[in-house]
């Protein structure tokens, strides 16, 4: 199966499964970790024990990229005890997920302008657990 189709199917299954298994409490957001996305390089990268982290190796925070080339993240992740995989977001929209803890993830071509790209850790049920890392890039 084409890897892009497989990725899309995983995302659709994740959204459907998480909305069935993890309803939000009244007045509470369904994914509290989303609030961290507004801080460009914010988010937790380690616990007190220093055993969980997300590193975005490239592109660098503040990088200027070409709109003609796909943006490919290079990353390295160590999961928290209840972590299972990562979700990738571009401008607060999920771009996909990966179960690979070290590697590359293409978010495709981005329109000219400023974009926030985040990697967030999730449980097997696709609930974000608050471990995340974000960068801001300028596409020209």
N, C-alpha and C. Protein backbone atom coordinates (compact mmCIF):
# COMPACT_ATOMS: atom_id res chain seq x y z
N UNK A 1 0.85 -1.18 0.00
CA UNK A 1 0.00 0.00 0.00
C UNK A 1 0.88 1.23 0.00
N UNK A 2 0.47 2.24 -0.72
CA UNK A 2 1.18 3.51 -0.79
C UNK A 2 1.33 4.07 0.63
N UNK A 3 2.56 4.50 1.06
CA UNK A 3 2.76 5.02 2.41
C UNK A 3 1.89 6.24 2.73
N UNK A 4 1.60 7.09 1.75
CA UNK A 4 0.76 8.25 2.00
C UNK A 4 -0.68 7.84 2.28
N UNK A 5 -1.17 6.85 1.55
CA UNK A 5 -2.53 6.36 1.80
C UNK A 5 -2.58 5.71 3.17
N UNK A 6 -1.56 4.95 3.50
CA UNK A 6 -1.51 4.30 4.81
C UNK A 6 -1.52 5.35 5.92
N UNK A 7 -0.75 6.43 5.75
CA UNK A 7 -0.70 7.51 6.76
C UNK A 7 -2.07 8.17 6.91
N UNK A 8 -2.75 8.41 5.80
CA UNK A 8 -4.09 9.03 5.84
C UNK A 8 -5.07 8.12 6.56
N UNK A 9 -5.01 6.83 6.27
CA UNK A 9 -5.91 5.88 6.94
C UNK A 9 -5.65 5.85 8.45
N UNK A 10 -4.37 5.90 8.86
CA UNK A 10 -4.05 5.93 10.29
C UNK A 10 -4.62 7.19 10.94
N UNK A 11 -4.48 8.32 10.28
CA UNK A 11 -4.99 9.58 10.85
C UNK A 11 -6.51 9.51 10.99
N UNK A 12 -7.20 9.04 9.96
CA UNK A 12 -8.65 8.93 10.04
C UNK A 12 -9.08 7.98 11.15
N UNK A 13 -8.39 6.87 11.29
CA UNK A 13 -8.71 5.92 12.35
C UNK A 13 -8.44 6.53 13.72
N UNK A 14 -7.35 7.29 13.83
CA UNK A 14 -7.01 7.92 15.10
C UNK A 14 -8.07 8.92 15.52
N UNK A 15 -8.53 9.74 14.59
CA UNK A 15 -9.55 10.73 14.90
C UNK A 15 -10.84 10.05 15.30
N UNK A 16 -11.25 9.06 14.55
CA UNK A 16 -12.49 8.35 14.86
C UNK A 16 -12.39 7.65 16.20
N UNK A 17 -11.27 6.97 16.46
CA UNK A 17 -11.11 6.23 17.70
C UNK A 17 -11.04 7.16 18.90
N UNK A 18 -10.30 8.25 18.81
CA UNK A 18 -10.15 9.14 19.96
C UNK A 18 -11.45 9.85 20.31
N UNK A 19 -12.27 10.15 19.32
CA UNK A 19 -13.53 10.83 19.63
C UNK A 19 -14.53 9.87 20.27
N UNK A 20 -14.37 8.58 20.05
CA UNK A 20 -15.27 7.59 20.66
C UNK A 20 -14.80 7.21 22.04
N UNK A 21 -13.48 7.07 22.23
CA UNK A 21 -12.96 6.54 23.49
C UNK A 21 -12.59 7.59 24.51
N UNK A 22 -12.43 8.83 24.12
CA UNK A 22 -11.96 9.84 25.07
C UNK A 22 -12.78 11.12 24.95
N UNK A 23 -14.08 11.08 25.33
CA UNK A 23 -14.87 12.30 25.25
C UNK A 23 -14.40 13.33 26.27
N UNK A 24 -14.54 14.56 25.92
CA UNK A 24 -14.12 15.64 26.82
C UNK A 24 -15.14 15.82 27.93
N UNK A 25 -14.64 16.22 29.10
CA UNK A 25 -15.53 16.57 30.19
C UNK A 25 -16.21 17.89 29.82
N UNK A 26 -17.36 18.13 30.39
CA UNK A 26 -18.09 19.34 30.09
C UNK A 26 -17.24 20.55 30.45
N UNK A 27 -17.06 21.44 29.49
CA UNK A 27 -16.29 22.66 29.73
C UNK A 27 -14.79 22.48 29.64
N UNK A 28 -14.30 21.28 29.32
CA UNK A 28 -12.87 21.01 29.24
C UNK A 28 -12.49 20.68 27.81
N UNK A 29 -11.31 21.11 27.37
CA UNK A 29 -10.87 20.73 26.02
C UNK A 29 -10.58 19.24 25.96
N UNK A 30 -10.78 18.64 24.78
CA UNK A 30 -10.57 17.20 24.66
C UNK A 30 -9.10 16.84 24.63
N UNK A 31 -8.21 17.78 24.27
CA UNK A 31 -6.78 17.50 24.23
C UNK A 31 -6.04 18.65 24.88
N UNK A 32 -5.85 18.60 26.20
CA UNK A 32 -5.27 19.74 26.90
C UNK A 32 -3.88 20.13 26.44
N UNK A 33 -3.13 19.24 25.83
CA UNK A 33 -1.78 19.59 25.40
C UNK A 33 -1.77 20.56 24.23
N UNK A 34 -2.89 20.73 23.55
CA UNK A 34 -2.94 21.63 22.40
C UNK A 34 -2.58 23.05 22.78
N UNK A 35 -2.82 23.46 24.01
CA UNK A 35 -2.53 24.81 24.44
C UNK A 35 -1.05 25.15 24.32
N UNK A 36 -0.18 24.16 24.40
CA UNK A 36 1.25 24.41 24.31
C UNK A 36 1.70 24.76 22.90
N UNK A 37 0.85 24.55 21.91
CA UNK A 37 1.26 24.75 20.53
C UNK A 37 1.49 26.22 20.21
N UNK A 38 0.93 27.13 20.98
CA UNK A 38 1.07 28.53 20.67
C UNK A 38 2.47 29.06 20.98
N UNK A 39 3.23 28.36 21.78
CA UNK A 39 4.59 28.78 22.09
C UNK A 39 5.51 28.12 21.08
N UNK A 40 6.17 28.94 20.29
CA UNK A 40 6.93 28.41 19.14
C UNK A 40 7.91 27.32 19.53
N UNK A 41 8.75 27.54 20.49
CA UNK A 41 9.70 26.50 20.87
C UNK A 41 9.34 25.94 22.23
N UNK A 42 8.13 26.17 22.64
CA UNK A 42 7.69 25.74 23.96
C UNK A 42 7.37 24.27 24.02
N UNK A 43 6.81 23.89 25.13
CA UNK A 43 6.44 22.51 25.34
C UNK A 43 7.48 21.84 26.21
N UNK A 44 7.08 20.78 26.84
CA UNK A 44 8.03 20.09 27.69
C UNK A 44 8.87 19.17 26.85
N UNK A 45 10.13 19.11 27.16
CA UNK A 45 11.00 18.20 26.43
C UNK A 45 11.58 17.13 27.34
N UNK A 46 11.57 17.35 28.64
CA UNK A 46 12.06 16.33 29.56
C UNK A 46 11.22 16.32 30.83
N UNK A 47 11.22 15.21 31.52
CA UNK A 47 10.58 15.11 32.83
C UNK A 47 11.64 15.39 33.88
N UNK A 48 11.23 15.30 35.13
CA UNK A 48 12.18 15.48 36.22
C UNK A 48 13.31 14.46 36.10
N UNK A 49 13.00 13.25 35.64
CA UNK A 49 14.01 12.21 35.51
C UNK A 49 14.83 12.36 34.23
N UNK A 50 14.40 13.24 33.32
CA UNK A 50 15.13 13.46 32.08
C UNK A 50 15.01 12.33 31.08
N UNK A 51 14.00 11.48 31.20
CA UNK A 51 13.92 10.30 30.34
C UNK A 51 13.04 10.45 29.12
N UNK A 52 12.25 11.49 29.00
CA UNK A 52 11.43 11.65 27.80
C UNK A 52 11.79 12.98 27.14
N UNK A 53 11.82 12.96 25.82
CA UNK A 53 12.13 14.20 25.13
C UNK A 53 11.71 14.11 23.68
N UNK A 54 11.58 15.27 23.06
CA UNK A 54 11.37 15.38 21.63
C UNK A 54 12.37 16.42 21.14
N UNK A 55 13.17 16.03 20.15
CA UNK A 55 14.12 16.96 19.55
C UNK A 55 13.78 17.09 18.07
N UNK A 56 13.62 18.32 17.60
CA UNK A 56 13.49 18.58 16.17
C UNK A 56 14.88 18.99 15.71
N UNK A 57 15.52 18.11 14.96
CA UNK A 57 16.90 18.33 14.54
C UNK A 57 16.99 19.28 13.35
N UNK A 58 16.01 19.22 12.46
CA UNK A 58 15.94 20.15 11.34
C UNK A 58 14.52 20.15 10.79
N UNK A 59 14.06 21.24 10.22
CA UNK A 59 14.78 22.51 10.09
C UNK A 59 14.92 23.20 11.45
N UNK A 60 15.82 24.14 11.52
CA UNK A 60 16.05 24.88 12.75
C UNK A 60 14.91 25.85 13.01
N UNK A 61 14.67 26.15 14.27
CA UNK A 61 13.68 27.16 14.62
C UNK A 61 14.10 28.48 13.99
N UNK A 62 13.18 29.14 13.29
CA UNK A 62 13.47 30.41 12.64
C UNK A 62 14.02 30.25 11.22
N UNK A 63 14.13 29.03 10.73
CA UNK A 63 14.69 28.79 9.39
C UNK A 63 13.83 29.43 8.31
N UNK A 64 14.48 29.87 7.23
CA UNK A 64 13.78 30.37 6.05
C UNK A 64 13.84 29.27 5.00
N UNK A 65 12.66 28.84 4.52
CA UNK A 65 12.56 27.72 3.61
C UNK A 65 11.92 28.15 2.30
N UNK A 66 12.15 27.37 1.26
CA UNK A 66 11.59 27.66 -0.05
C UNK A 66 10.21 27.02 -0.20
N UNK A 67 9.27 27.77 -0.76
CA UNK A 67 7.93 27.24 -1.01
C UNK A 67 7.95 26.19 -2.11
N UNK A 68 9.04 26.12 -2.86
CA UNK A 68 9.14 25.15 -3.95
C UNK A 68 9.55 23.76 -3.49
N UNK A 69 10.05 23.64 -2.25
CA UNK A 69 10.55 22.35 -1.76
C UNK A 69 9.69 21.84 -0.61
N UNK A 70 9.47 20.53 -0.53
CA UNK A 70 8.75 19.98 0.61
C UNK A 70 9.55 20.18 1.89
N UNK A 71 8.85 20.39 2.99
CA UNK A 71 9.48 20.54 4.30
C UNK A 71 9.57 19.16 4.93
N UNK A 72 10.79 18.76 5.28
CA UNK A 72 11.01 17.45 5.89
C UNK A 72 11.60 17.66 7.28
N UNK A 73 10.90 17.15 8.31
CA UNK A 73 11.40 17.23 9.67
C UNK A 73 12.37 16.09 9.92
N UNK A 74 13.44 16.37 10.59
CA UNK A 74 14.33 15.35 11.11
C UNK A 74 14.17 15.43 12.62
N UNK A 75 13.91 14.29 13.27
CA UNK A 75 13.57 14.32 14.69
C UNK A 75 14.13 13.12 15.44
N UNK A 76 14.14 13.24 16.77
CA UNK A 76 14.56 12.16 17.65
C UNK A 76 13.68 12.24 18.89
N UNK A 77 13.05 11.13 19.27
CA UNK A 77 12.08 11.11 20.36
C UNK A 77 12.38 9.97 21.32
N UNK A 78 12.28 10.24 22.60
CA UNK A 78 12.25 9.20 23.63
C UNK A 78 10.89 9.33 24.30
N UNK A 79 10.10 8.27 24.26
CA UNK A 79 8.73 8.32 24.77
C UNK A 79 8.65 8.28 26.28
N UNK A 80 7.62 8.91 26.81
CA UNK A 80 7.28 8.80 28.22
C UNK A 80 6.73 7.39 28.46
N UNK A 81 6.60 6.97 29.72
CA UNK A 81 6.11 5.61 29.99
C UNK A 81 4.78 5.27 29.32
N UNK A 82 3.85 6.21 29.24
CA UNK A 82 2.56 5.92 28.61
C UNK A 82 2.50 6.41 27.16
N UNK A 83 3.61 6.88 26.62
CA UNK A 83 3.64 7.32 25.23
C UNK A 83 3.72 6.13 24.28
N UNK A 84 3.17 6.32 23.07
CA UNK A 84 3.12 5.24 22.10
C UNK A 84 3.65 5.66 20.73
N UNK A 85 3.42 6.92 20.34
CA UNK A 85 3.81 7.41 19.03
C UNK A 85 3.74 8.93 19.04
N UNK A 86 4.03 9.55 17.89
CA UNK A 86 3.98 11.01 17.80
C UNK A 86 2.97 11.46 16.75
N UNK A 87 2.42 12.64 16.98
CA UNK A 87 1.57 13.32 16.01
C UNK A 87 2.34 14.56 15.54
N UNK A 88 2.22 14.88 14.27
CA UNK A 88 2.88 16.07 13.70
C UNK A 88 1.79 17.05 13.30
N UNK A 89 1.97 18.31 13.70
CA UNK A 89 1.00 19.37 13.41
C UNK A 89 1.68 20.49 12.64
N UNK A 90 0.95 21.07 11.70
CA UNK A 90 1.38 22.28 11.01
C UNK A 90 0.27 23.30 11.21
N UNK A 91 0.60 24.41 11.87
CA UNK A 91 -0.38 25.47 12.13
C UNK A 91 -1.65 24.93 12.78
N UNK A 92 -1.48 24.11 13.81
CA UNK A 92 -2.56 23.54 14.63
C UNK A 92 -3.42 22.50 13.90
N UNK A 93 -2.98 22.07 12.72
CA UNK A 93 -3.70 21.04 11.96
C UNK A 93 -2.82 19.79 11.89
N UNK A 94 -3.40 18.65 12.21
CA UNK A 94 -2.63 17.41 12.19
C UNK A 94 -2.18 17.06 10.78
N UNK A 95 -0.88 16.87 10.63
CA UNK A 95 -0.30 16.52 9.33
C UNK A 95 -0.11 15.01 9.20
N UNK A 96 -0.12 14.31 10.33
CA UNK A 96 0.06 12.86 10.31
C UNK A 96 0.65 12.36 11.61
N UNK A 97 0.96 11.07 11.62
CA UNK A 97 1.55 10.47 12.81
C UNK A 97 2.64 9.51 12.39
N UNK A 98 3.48 9.17 13.36
CA UNK A 98 4.56 8.23 13.09
C UNK A 98 4.83 7.41 14.35
N UNK A 99 5.12 6.16 14.14
CA UNK A 99 5.53 5.29 15.23
C UNK A 99 7.05 5.16 15.28
N UNK A 100 7.73 5.74 14.28
CA UNK A 100 9.19 5.76 14.28
C UNK A 100 9.66 6.84 15.25
N UNK A 101 10.59 6.49 16.13
CA UNK A 101 11.03 7.43 17.15
C UNK A 101 12.22 8.28 16.71
N UNK A 102 12.83 7.91 15.62
CA UNK A 102 13.93 8.71 15.09
C UNK A 102 13.84 8.61 13.58
N UNK A 103 13.90 9.75 12.92
CA UNK A 103 13.83 9.69 11.47
C UNK A 103 13.42 10.99 10.85
N UNK A 104 12.67 10.86 9.75
CA UNK A 104 12.26 12.00 8.95
C UNK A 104 10.76 11.92 8.70
N UNK A 105 10.12 13.09 8.63
CA UNK A 105 8.68 13.17 8.35
C UNK A 105 8.45 14.35 7.42
N UNK A 106 7.88 14.07 6.26
CA UNK A 106 7.60 15.14 5.29
C UNK A 106 6.22 15.72 5.56
N UNK A 107 6.17 17.04 5.72
CA UNK A 107 4.87 17.72 5.87
C UNK A 107 4.44 18.32 4.54
N UNK A 108 5.23 18.09 3.48
CA UNK A 108 4.89 18.58 2.15
C UNK A 108 5.30 20.02 1.95
N UNK A 109 4.80 20.59 0.87
CA UNK A 109 5.10 21.99 0.56
C UNK A 109 4.18 22.88 1.39
N UNK A 110 4.74 23.99 1.86
CA UNK A 110 3.97 24.95 2.64
C UNK A 110 3.84 26.25 1.85
N UNK A 111 2.71 26.90 2.01
CA UNK A 111 2.48 28.18 1.36
C UNK A 111 3.42 29.24 1.95
N UNK A 112 3.74 30.26 1.19
CA UNK A 112 4.57 31.34 1.73
C UNK A 112 3.95 31.93 2.99
N UNK A 113 4.79 32.25 3.94
CA UNK A 113 4.34 32.82 5.20
C UNK A 113 5.02 32.13 6.38
N UNK A 114 4.57 32.47 7.57
CA UNK A 114 5.11 31.91 8.80
C UNK A 114 4.27 30.71 9.21
N UNK A 115 4.94 29.62 9.57
CA UNK A 115 4.25 28.38 9.96
C UNK A 115 4.84 27.82 11.24
N UNK A 116 3.98 27.28 12.10
CA UNK A 116 4.40 26.60 13.32
C UNK A 116 4.26 25.10 13.09
N UNK A 117 5.34 24.38 13.32
CA UNK A 117 5.35 22.93 13.15
C UNK A 117 5.65 22.31 14.51
N UNK A 118 4.79 21.37 14.93
CA UNK A 118 4.94 20.75 16.25
C UNK A 118 4.94 19.23 16.14
N UNK A 119 5.71 18.61 17.02
CA UNK A 119 5.66 17.16 17.22
C UNK A 119 5.16 16.96 18.63
N UNK A 120 4.11 16.14 18.77
CA UNK A 120 3.48 15.90 20.07
C UNK A 120 3.39 14.41 20.34
N UNK A 121 3.66 14.02 21.55
CA UNK A 121 3.59 12.62 21.94
C UNK A 121 2.15 12.24 22.29
N UNK A 122 1.77 11.03 21.90
CA UNK A 122 0.41 10.54 22.15
C UNK A 122 0.44 9.12 22.70
N UNK A 123 -0.64 8.76 23.40
CA UNK A 123 -0.79 7.39 23.90
C UNK A 123 -1.29 6.50 22.78
N UNK A 124 -1.44 5.22 23.05
CA UNK A 124 -1.97 4.28 22.06
C UNK A 124 -3.38 4.66 21.63
N UNK A 125 -4.12 5.37 22.51
CA UNK A 125 -5.48 5.82 22.20
C UNK A 125 -5.48 7.20 21.53
N UNK A 126 -4.31 7.70 21.16
CA UNK A 126 -4.14 8.98 20.45
C UNK A 126 -4.47 10.19 21.33
N UNK A 127 -4.36 10.04 22.63
CA UNK A 127 -4.53 11.16 23.56
C UNK A 127 -3.18 11.82 23.73
N UNK A 128 -3.12 13.13 23.48
CA UNK A 128 -1.87 13.87 23.65
C UNK A 128 -1.53 13.95 25.13
N UNK A 129 -0.26 13.70 25.47
CA UNK A 129 0.11 13.64 26.89
C UNK A 129 0.91 14.85 27.36
N UNK A 130 1.11 15.83 26.50
CA UNK A 130 1.76 17.07 26.93
C UNK A 130 3.23 17.18 26.57
N UNK A 131 3.88 16.10 26.16
CA UNK A 131 5.27 16.19 25.74
C UNK A 131 5.27 16.63 24.29
N UNK A 132 5.87 17.79 24.00
CA UNK A 132 5.85 18.31 22.64
C UNK A 132 7.02 19.24 22.39
N UNK A 133 7.26 19.51 21.13
CA UNK A 133 8.29 20.46 20.72
C UNK A 133 7.79 21.15 19.45
N UNK A 134 7.94 22.46 19.39
CA UNK A 134 7.48 23.24 18.22
C UNK A 134 8.59 24.12 17.69
N UNK A 135 8.53 24.38 16.40
CA UNK A 135 9.43 25.33 15.76
C UNK A 135 8.57 26.25 14.89
N UNK A 136 9.13 27.42 14.58
CA UNK A 136 8.48 28.34 13.65
C UNK A 136 9.42 28.51 12.47
N UNK A 137 8.85 28.38 11.25
CA UNK A 137 9.66 28.55 10.04
C UNK A 137 8.99 29.61 9.15
N UNK A 138 9.81 30.26 8.34
CA UNK A 138 9.31 31.24 7.38
C UNK A 138 9.50 30.65 5.99
N UNK A 139 8.41 30.56 5.24
CA UNK A 139 8.46 30.01 3.89
C UNK A 139 8.33 31.16 2.90
N UNK A 140 9.26 31.20 1.94
CA UNK A 140 9.26 32.26 0.92
C UNK A 140 9.17 31.66 -0.45
